Amino acid sequence: MKRSEINTTIRQADAFMKMHGFRLPPFAYWTPEAWAAKGEEVSEIVNNNLGWDITDFGSGDYQKVGLFLFTIRNGSLENLRTGQGKTYAEKVLIADVGQVTPMHFHWHKTEDIINRGGGRLAIKLYNSTPDEQLADTEITVSMDGVRRTFKAGETVMLDVGESITLPTKLYHEFWGVDGKVLVGEVSKVNDDANDNRFLEPAGRFPDIEEDEPPFYLLVGDYPKYYSHYLA
């Protein structure tokens, strides 16, 4: 993706969230120059990958296959191991009309996906087989505390205010319908480096063509701009 496309997407996403009364935390608006002056007090933001996250999943066509995300809070794998501290995560996502997040599941993360505003959210579901392919069995999920059963490959529609709980190893892909969708995600600790199983090969983070300076930093930019970054 071009940095100019990423910058435009950030501006548009910020305006869309504000239109729906959703506000991001202060660190969302730190400039690259501000980040360069930060010390170890912000290490949680960096180490747990909080912040702006835009991906085309390696498709080269963000509008067709892509997703906007902002991680608001997230714990660490150490928190999960000890059961202490933040063992949870929260994100806000934006799914545009027909913009697909490709079929995938998580080995360890259970998540609630919530339609916070805008259009409807379409989610296609499959159970996974032992060899991590698509199963032809019925899917049973919880939707706002109500147990629902669907056929393999059925598309579930979430209206504004509705949510679905996606357990581990449940394949899902989603996209917006009837308008851009503001999506909430509440989950177990998020580990994008190790906990995404895509049905077809996909890149979680984009290759960036630096055609202009960054407006705000993506989570992948922290090593370059944050002087206390530890690889």
C-alpha atoms as a PDB file:
ATOM      1  CA  MET A   1       0.000   0.000   0.000  1.00  0.00           C
ATOM      2  CA  LYS A   2       1.109   3.567  -0.579  1.00  0.00           C
ATOM      3  CA  ARG A   3       1.616   5.702   2.500  1.00  0.00           C
ATOM      4  CA  SER A   4      -0.630   8.328   0.908  1.00  0.00           C
ATOM      5  CA  GLU A   5      -3.464   5.764   0.741  1.00  0.00           C
ATOM      6  CA  ILE A   6      -2.874   4.856   4.391  1.00  0.00           C
ATOM      7  CA  ASN A   7      -2.899   8.525   5.442  1.00  0.00           C
ATOM      8  CA  THR A   8      -6.156   9.141   3.572  1.00  0.00           C
ATOM      9  CA  THR A   9      -7.696   6.036   5.136  1.00  0.00           C
ATOM     10  CA  ILE A  10      -6.740   7.212   8.636  1.00  0.00           C
ATOM     11  CA  ARG A  11      -8.328  10.640   8.088  1.00  0.00           C
ATOM     12  CA  GLN A  12     -11.512   9.109   6.687  1.00  0.00           C
ATOM     13  CA  ALA A  13     -11.717   6.508   9.461  1.00  0.00           C
ATOM     14  CA  ASP A  14     -11.233   9.120  12.173  1.00  0.00           C
ATOM     15  CA  ALA A  15     -14.036  11.231  10.712  1.00  0.00           C
ATOM     16  CA  PHE A  16     -16.328   8.182  10.426  1.00  0.00           C
ATOM     17  CA  MET A  17     -15.746   7.187  14.036  1.00  0.00           C
ATOM     18  CA  LYS A  18     -16.363  10.716  15.299  1.00  0.00           C
ATOM     19  CA  MET A  19     -19.558  10.882  13.246  1.00  0.00           C
ATOM     20  CA  HIS A  20     -20.781   7.881  15.252  1.00  0.00           C
ATOM     21  CA  GLY A  21     -19.695   9.400  18.563  1.00  0.00           C
ATOM     22  CA  PHE A  22     -16.716   7.068  18.987  1.00  0.00           C
ATOM     23  CA  ARG A  23     -13.548   8.677  20.348  1.00  0.00           C
ATOM     24  CA  LEU A  24     -10.042   7.231  20.351  1.00  0.00           C
ATOM     25  CA  PRO A  25      -7.548   7.600  23.223  1.00  0.00           C
ATOM     26  CA  PRO A  26      -5.010  10.457  23.179  1.00  0.00           C
ATOM     27  CA  PHE A  27      -2.093   8.384  21.856  1.00  0.00           C
ATOM     28  CA  ALA A  28      -3.981   7.932  18.581  1.00  0.00           C
ATOM     29  CA  TYR A  29      -3.076  11.512  17.683  1.00  0.00           C
ATOM     30  CA  TRP A  30       0.611  11.590  18.537  1.00  0.00           C
ATOM     31  CA  THR A  31       2.629  12.689  15.529  1.00  0.00           C
ATOM     32  CA  PRO A  32       5.778  10.872  14.365  1.00  0.00           C
ATOM     33  CA  GLU A  33       7.774  13.726  15.925  1.00  0.00           C
ATOM     34  CA  ALA A  34       5.972  13.255  19.248  1.00  0.00           C
ATOM     35  CA  TRP A  35       6.650   9.529  19.152  1.00  0.00           C
ATOM     36  CA  ALA A  36      10.371  10.140  18.687  1.00  0.00           C
ATOM     37  CA  ALA A  37      10.416  11.992  22.023  1.00  0.00           C
ATOM     38  CA  LYS A  38       8.529   9.351  24.046  1.00  0.00           C
ATOM     39  CA  GLY A  39      10.233   7.293  26.731  1.00  0.00           C
ATOM     40  CA  GLU A  40       9.695   3.953  28.426  1.00  0.00           C
ATOM     41  CA  GLU A  41       6.404   5.124  29.941  1.00  0.00           C
ATOM     42  CA  VAL A  42       4.655   4.280  26.640  1.00  0.00           C
ATOM     43  CA  SER A  43       6.207   0.819  26.222  1.00  0.00           C
ATOM     44  CA  GLU A  44       2.839  -0.914  26.797  1.00  0.00           C
ATOM     45  CA  ILE A  45       1.441   0.777  23.695  1.00  0.00           C
ATOM     46  CA  VAL A  46       4.372  -0.406  21.605  1.00  0.00           C
ATOM     47  CA  ASN A  47       4.891  -3.878  23.056  1.00  0.00           C
ATOM     48  CA  ASN A  48       1.191  -4.787  22.838  1.00  0.00           C
ATOM     49  CA  ASN A  49       0.674  -3.253  19.380  1.00  0.00           C
ATOM     50  CA  LEU A  50      -1.903  -0.647  20.338  1.00  0.00           C
ATOM     51  CA  GLY A  51      -2.833   1.875  17.689  1.00  0.00           C
ATOM     52  CA  TRP A  52      -3.550   2.341  13.989  1.00  0.00           C
ATOM     53  CA  ASP A  53      -3.532  -0.801  11.845  1.00  0.00           C
ATOM     54  CA  ILE A  54      -4.489  -0.836   8.161  1.00  0.00           C
ATOM     55  CA  THR A  55      -4.034  -3.863   5.941  1.00  0.00           C
ATOM     56  CA  ASP A  56      -4.788  -5.060   2.433  1.00  0.00           C
ATOM     57  CA  PHE A  57      -3.836  -8.640   3.440  1.00  0.00           C
ATOM     58  CA  GLY A  58      -1.288  -8.613   0.620  1.00  0.00           C
ATOM     59  CA  SER A  59      -4.041  -8.254  -1.985  1.00  0.00           C
ATOM     60  CA  GLY A  60      -2.808  -5.005  -3.508  1.00  0.00           C
ATOM     61  CA  ASP A  61      -6.438  -3.803  -3.541  1.00  0.00           C
ATOM     62  CA  TYR A  62      -7.445  -2.407  -0.151  1.00  0.00           C
ATOM     63  CA  GLN A  63     -10.975  -1.480  -1.193  1.00  0.00           C
ATOM     64  CA  LYS A  64     -11.686  -5.039  -2.330  1.00  0.00           C
ATOM     65  CA  VAL A  65      -9.750  -7.040   0.274  1.00  0.00           C
ATOM     66  CA  GLY A  66      -8.735  -5.037   3.310  1.00  0.00           C
ATOM     67  CA  LEU A  67      -9.588  -3.822   6.790  1.00  0.00           C
ATOM     68  CA  PHE A  68      -9.118  -0.783   9.026  1.00  0.00           C
ATOM     69  CA  LEU A  69      -8.375  -1.524  12.698  1.00  0.00           C
ATOM     70  CA  PHE A  70      -7.373   0.412  15.794  1.00  0.00           C
ATOM     71  CA  THR A  71      -6.303  -1.567  18.864  1.00  0.00           C
ATOM     72  CA  ILE A  72      -7.454   0.374  21.906  1.00  0.00           C
ATOM     73  CA  ARG A  73      -6.252  -2.009  24.622  1.00  0.00           C
ATOM     74  CA  ASN A  74      -4.442  -5.350  24.679  1.00  0.00           C
ATOM     75  CA  GLY A  75      -2.641  -7.541  27.172  1.00  0.00           C
ATOM     76  CA  SER A  76       0.415  -9.703  26.616  1.00  0.00           C
ATOM     77  CA  LEU A  77       1.093 -13.414  26.312  1.00  0.00           C
ATOM     78  CA  GLU A  78       2.707 -13.171  29.744  1.00  0.00           C
ATOM     79  CA  ASN A  79      -0.596 -11.871  31.118  1.00  0.00           C
ATOM     80  CA  LEU A  80      -2.302 -14.939  29.670  1.00  0.00           C
ATOM     81  CA  ARG A  81       0.342 -17.298  31.079  1.00  0.00           C
ATOM     82  CA  THR A  82       0.084 -15.915  34.611  1.00  0.00           C
ATOM     83  CA  GLY A  83      -3.601 -14.961  34.578  1.00  0.00           C
ATOM     84  CA  GLN A  84      -2.580 -11.526  35.889  1.00  0.00           C
ATOM     85  CA  GLY A  85      -3.055  -8.098  34.346  1.00  0.00           C
ATOM     86  CA  LYS A  86      -4.860  -7.564  31.057  1.00  0.00           C
ATOM     87  CA  THR A  87      -5.995 -10.902  29.677  1.00  0.00           C
ATOM     88  CA  TYR A  88      -8.272  -9.165  27.162  1.00  0.00           C
ATOM     89  CA  ALA A  89      -8.212  -6.873  24.142  1.00  0.00           C
ATOM     90  CA  GLU A  90     -10.475  -4.315  22.472  1.00  0.00           C
ATOM     91  CA  LYS A  91     -10.413  -3.047  18.902  1.00  0.00           C
ATOM     92  CA  VAL A  92     -12.495  -0.855  16.672  1.00  0.00           C
ATOM     93  CA  LEU A  93     -12.714  -1.861  13.007  1.00  0.00           C
ATOM     94  CA  ILE A  94     -14.272  -0.381   9.884  1.00  0.00           C
ATOM     95  CA  ALA A  95     -15.599  -2.676   7.157  1.00  0.00           C
ATOM     96  CA  ASP A  96     -16.622  -0.938   3.957  1.00  0.00           C
ATOM     97  CA  VAL A  97     -19.328  -2.151   1.584  1.00  0.00           C
ATOM     98  CA  GLY A  98     -18.075  -5.293  -0.162  1.00  0.00           C
ATOM     99  CA  GLN A  99     -14.618  -4.930   1.433  1.00  0.00           C
ATOM    100  CA  VAL A 100     -13.750  -8.471   2.487  1.00  0.00           C
ATOM    101  CA  THR A 101     -11.645  -9.590   5.417  1.00  0.00           C
ATOM    102  CA  PRO A 102     -10.579 -13.026   4.127  1.00  0.00           C
ATOM    103  CA  MET A 103     -11.585 -16.363   5.641  1.00  0.00           C
ATOM    104  CA  HIS A 104      -9.590 -17.097   8.792  1.00  0.00           C
ATOM    105  CA  PHE A 105      -9.767 -18.358  12.352  1.00  0.00           C
ATOM    106  CA  HIS A 106      -7.789 -17.977  15.575  1.00  0.00           C
ATOM    107  CA  TRP A 107      -6.227 -20.913  17.423  1.00  0.00           C
ATOM    108  CA  HIS A 108      -6.402 -19.253  20.849  1.00  0.00           C
ATOM    109  CA  LYS A 109      -8.569 -16.122  20.692  1.00  0.00           C
ATOM    110  CA  THR A 110     -12.305 -16.068  21.324  1.00  0.00           C
ATOM    111  CA  GLU A 111     -13.836 -12.764  20.218  1.00  0.00           C
ATOM    112  CA  ASP A 112     -17.085 -10.866  20.226  1.00  0.00           C
ATOM    113  CA  ILE A 113     -17.770  -8.969  17.001  1.00  0.00           C
ATOM    114  CA  ILE A 114     -20.232  -6.093  17.477  1.00  0.00           C
ATOM    115  CA  ASN A 115     -21.971  -3.848  14.956  1.00  0.00           C
ATOM    116  CA  ARG A 116     -21.520  -0.396  16.536  1.00  0.00           C
ATOM    117  CA  GLY A 117     -23.039   1.672  13.743  1.00  0.00           C
ATOM    118  CA  GLY A 118     -23.489   2.280  10.028  1.00  0.00           C
ATOM    119  CA  GLY A 119     -24.624  -0.482   7.701  1.00  0.00           C
ATOM    120  CA  ARG A 120     -25.062  -4.182   8.326  1.00  0.00           C
ATOM    121  CA  LEU A 121     -22.145  -6.565   8.867  1.00  0.00           C
ATOM    122  CA  ALA A 122     -22.163  -9.813   6.892  1.00  0.00           C
ATOM    123  CA  ILE A 123     -20.177 -12.721   8.379  1.00  0.00           C
ATOM    124  CA  LYS A 124     -19.772 -16.054   6.582  1.00  0.00           C
ATOM    125  CA  LEU A 125     -19.073 -18.993   8.929  1.00  0.00           C
ATOM    126  CA  TYR A 126     -17.553 -22.466   8.691  1.00  0.00           C
ATOM    127  CA  ASN A 127     -16.365 -24.909  11.297  1.00  0.00           C
ATOM    128  CA  SER A 128     -12.822 -26.137  10.696  1.00  0.00           C
ATOM    129  CA  THR A 129     -11.761 -29.733  10.123  1.00  0.00           C
ATOM    130  CA  PRO A 130      -8.886 -31.373  12.044  1.00  0.00           C
ATOM    131  CA  ASP A 131      -6.585 -30.497   9.120  1.00  0.00           C
ATOM    132  CA  GLU A 132      -7.802 -26.868   9.234  1.00  0.00           C
ATOM    133  CA  GLN A 133      -9.972 -26.893   6.119  1.00  0.00           C
ATOM    134  CA  LEU A 134     -13.657 -25.944   5.799  1.00  0.00           C
ATOM    135  CA  ALA A 135     -16.069 -28.392   7.441  1.00  0.00           C
ATOM    136  CA  ASP A 136     -19.575 -29.064   6.119  1.00  0.00           C
ATOM    137  CA  THR A 137     -21.090 -29.306   9.609  1.00  0.00           C
ATOM    138  CA  GLU A 138     -23.609 -26.976  11.236  1.00  0.00           C
ATOM    139  CA  ILE A 139     -22.265 -24.069  13.277  1.00  0.00           C
ATOM    140  CA  THR A 140     -23.647 -23.146  16.688  1.00  0.00           C
ATOM    141  CA  VAL A 141     -22.750 -19.736  18.094  1.00  0.00           C
ATOM    142  CA  SER A 142     -23.946 -17.294  20.734  1.00  0.00           C
ATOM    143  CA  MET A 143     -25.476 -14.049  19.467  1.00  0.00           C
ATOM    144  CA  ASP A 144     -26.120 -11.590  22.283  1.00  0.00           C
ATOM    145  CA  GLY A 145     -26.621 -14.488  24.682  1.00  0.00           C
ATOM    146  CA  VAL A 146     -28.929 -16.440  22.359  1.00  0.00           C
ATOM    147  CA  ARG A 147     -27.731 -19.765  20.951  1.00  0.00           C
ATOM    148  CA  ARG A 148     -28.151 -19.898  17.160  1.00  0.00           C
ATOM    149  CA  THR A 149     -27.400 -22.656  14.644  1.00  0.00           C
ATOM    150  CA  PHE A 150     -26.465 -22.090  10.988  1.00  0.00           C
ATOM    151  CA  LYS A 151     -25.585 -24.207   7.971  1.00  0.00           C
ATOM    152  CA  ALA A 152     -21.963 -24.487   6.851  1.00  0.00           C
ATOM    153  CA  GLY A 153     -21.053 -21.440   4.794  1.00  0.00           C
ATOM    154  CA  GLU A 154     -24.162 -19.503   5.792  1.00  0.00           C
ATOM    155  CA  THR A 155     -23.863 -15.728   5.980  1.00  0.00           C
ATOM    156  CA  VAL A 156     -25.024 -14.155   9.244  1.00  0.00           C
ATOM    157  CA  MET A 157     -26.169 -10.533   9.150  1.00  0.00           C
ATOM    158  CA  LEU A 158     -25.553  -8.239  12.136  1.00  0.00           C
ATOM    159  CA  ASP A 159     -27.704  -5.122  12.381  1.00  0.00           C
ATOM    160  CA  VAL A 160     -26.550  -2.140  14.450  1.00  0.00           C
ATOM    161  CA  GLY A 161     -26.309  -3.152  18.107  1.00  0.00           C
ATOM    162  CA  GLU A 162     -26.093  -6.882  17.420  1.00  0.00           C
ATOM    163  CA  SER A 163     -23.084  -9.072  18.140  1.00  0.00           C
ATOM    164  CA  ILE A 164     -21.764 -12.589  17.681  1.00  0.00           C
ATOM    165  CA  THR A 165     -19.252 -14.609  19.706  1.00  0.00           C
ATOM    166  CA  LEU A 166     -16.681 -16.379  17.533  1.00  0.00           C
ATOM    167  CA  PRO A 167     -14.963 -19.260  19.348  1.00  0.00           C
ATOM    168  CA  THR A 168     -11.513 -20.563  18.531  1.00  0.00           C
ATOM    169  CA  LYS A 169     -11.028 -22.414  15.234  1.00  0.00           C
ATOM    170  CA  LEU A 170     -14.277 -21.104  13.741  1.00  0.00           C
ATOM    171  CA  TYR A 171     -13.594 -19.843  10.219  1.00  0.00           C
ATOM    172  CA  HIS A 172     -15.098 -16.452   9.381  1.00  0.00           C
ATOM    173  CA  GLU A 173     -14.908 -13.744   6.752  1.00  0.00           C
ATOM    174  CA  PHE A 174     -16.846 -10.490   6.825  1.00  0.00           C
ATOM    175  CA  TRP A 175     -17.751  -7.348   4.889  1.00  0.00           C
ATOM    176  CA  GLY A 176     -20.062  -4.354   5.048  1.00  0.00           C
ATOM    177  CA  VAL A 177     -23.545  -4.241   3.522  1.00  0.00           C
ATOM    178  CA  ASP A 178     -25.760  -1.185   2.888  1.00  0.00           C
ATOM    179  CA  GLY A 179     -23.082   1.166   4.172  1.00  0.00           C
ATOM    180  CA  LYS A 180     -19.711   1.346   5.906  1.00  0.00           C
ATOM    181  CA  VAL A 181     -19.812  -0.447   9.285  1.00  0.00           C
ATOM    182  CA  LEU A 182     -18.254   0.592  12.592  1.00  0.00           C
ATOM    183  CA  VAL A 183     -17.298  -2.713  14.207  1.00  0.00           C
ATOM    184  CA  GLY A 184     -16.287  -3.405  17.798  1.00  0.00           C
ATOM    185  CA  GLU A 185     -14.139  -6.350  18.817  1.00  0.00           C
ATOM    186  CA  VAL A 186     -13.774  -7.549  22.422  1.00  0.00           C
ATOM    187  CA  SER A 187     -11.575 -10.583  22.865  1.00  0.00           C
ATOM    188  CA  LYS A 188      -8.914 -12.533  24.657  1.00  0.00           C
ATOM    189  CA  VAL A 189      -5.387 -11.118  24.283  1.00  0.00           C
ATOM    190  CA  ASN A 190      -4.715 -10.464  20.599  1.00  0.00           C
ATOM    191  CA  ASP A 191      -1.573 -11.958  19.014  1.00  0.00           C
ATOM    192  CA  ASP A 192      -1.458 -11.061  15.330  1.00  0.00           C
ATOM    193  CA  ALA A 193       2.019 -12.528  14.919  1.00  0.00           C
ATOM    194  CA  ASN A 194       1.011 -16.099  15.801  1.00  0.00           C
ATOM    195  CA  ASP A 195      -2.761 -16.524  16.113  1.00  0.00           C
ATOM    196  CA  ASN A 196      -4.203 -15.980  12.621  1.00  0.00           C
ATOM    197  CA  ARG A 197      -4.917 -18.991  10.411  1.00  0.00           C
ATOM    198  CA  PHE A 198      -5.960 -17.809   6.944  1.00  0.00           C
ATOM    199  CA  LEU A 199      -7.607 -20.387   4.694  1.00  0.00           C
ATOM    200  CA  GLU A 200      -5.649 -18.985   1.736  1.00  0.00           C
ATOM    201  CA  PRO A 201      -2.216 -17.356   2.130  1.00  0.00           C
ATOM    202  CA  ALA A 202      -2.561 -13.724   3.201  1.00  0.00           C
ATOM    203  CA  GLY A 203      -0.229 -11.087   4.582  1.00  0.00           C
ATOM    204  CA  ARG A 204      -1.430  -9.649   7.885  1.00  0.00           C
ATOM    205  CA  PHE A 205       0.581  -6.426   7.598  1.00  0.00           C
ATOM    206  CA  PRO A 206       1.088  -4.457   4.354  1.00  0.00           C
ATOM    207  CA  ASP A 207       4.238  -3.621   2.483  1.00  0.00           C
ATOM    208  CA  ILE A 208       4.324   0.177   2.386  1.00  0.00           C
ATOM    209  CA  GLU A 209       5.499   2.399  -0.442  1.00  0.00           C
ATOM    210  CA  GLU A 210       6.689   5.601   1.253  1.00  0.00           C
ATOM    211  CA  ASP A 211       5.388   8.173  -1.226  1.00  0.00           C
ATOM    212  CA  GLU A 212       4.777  10.732   1.566  1.00  0.00           C
ATOM    213  CA  PRO A 213       5.500  11.023   5.311  1.00  0.00           C
ATOM    214  CA  PRO A 214       3.191   9.222   7.758  1.00  0.00           C
ATOM    215  CA  PHE A 215       0.312  11.265   9.179  1.00  0.00           C
ATOM    216  CA  TYR A 216       0.061   9.036  12.267  1.00  0.00           C
ATOM    217  CA  LEU A 217       2.085   5.892  12.906  1.00  0.00           C
ATOM    218  CA  LEU A 218       0.831   2.384  12.230  1.00  0.00           C
ATOM    219  CA  VAL A 219       1.772  -0.278  14.761  1.00  0.00           C
ATOM    220  CA  GLY A 220       4.372  -1.495  12.272  1.00  0.00           C
ATOM    221  CA  ASP A 221       6.057   1.922  12.293  1.00  0.00           C
ATOM    222  CA  TYR A 222       6.992   1.896  15.980  1.00  0.00           C
ATOM    223  CA  PRO A 223      10.443   0.273  15.537  1.00  0.00           C
ATOM    224  CA  LYS A 224      11.478   3.134  13.242  1.00  0.00           C
ATOM    225  CA  TYR A 225      10.198   6.069  15.280  1.00  0.00           C
ATOM    226  CA  TYR A 226      10.199   4.943  18.936  1.00  0.00           C
ATOM    227  CA  SER A 227      13.754   5.158  20.268  1.00  0.00           C
ATOM    228  CA  HIS A 228      13.161   2.742  23.180  1.00  0.00           C
ATOM    229  CA  TYR A 229      11.825  -0.040  20.936  1.00  0.00           C
ATOM    230  CA  LEU A 230      13.106  -3.499  21.873  1.00  0.00           C
ATOM    231  CA  ALA A 231      12.974  -6.088  19.090  1.00  0.00           C
END
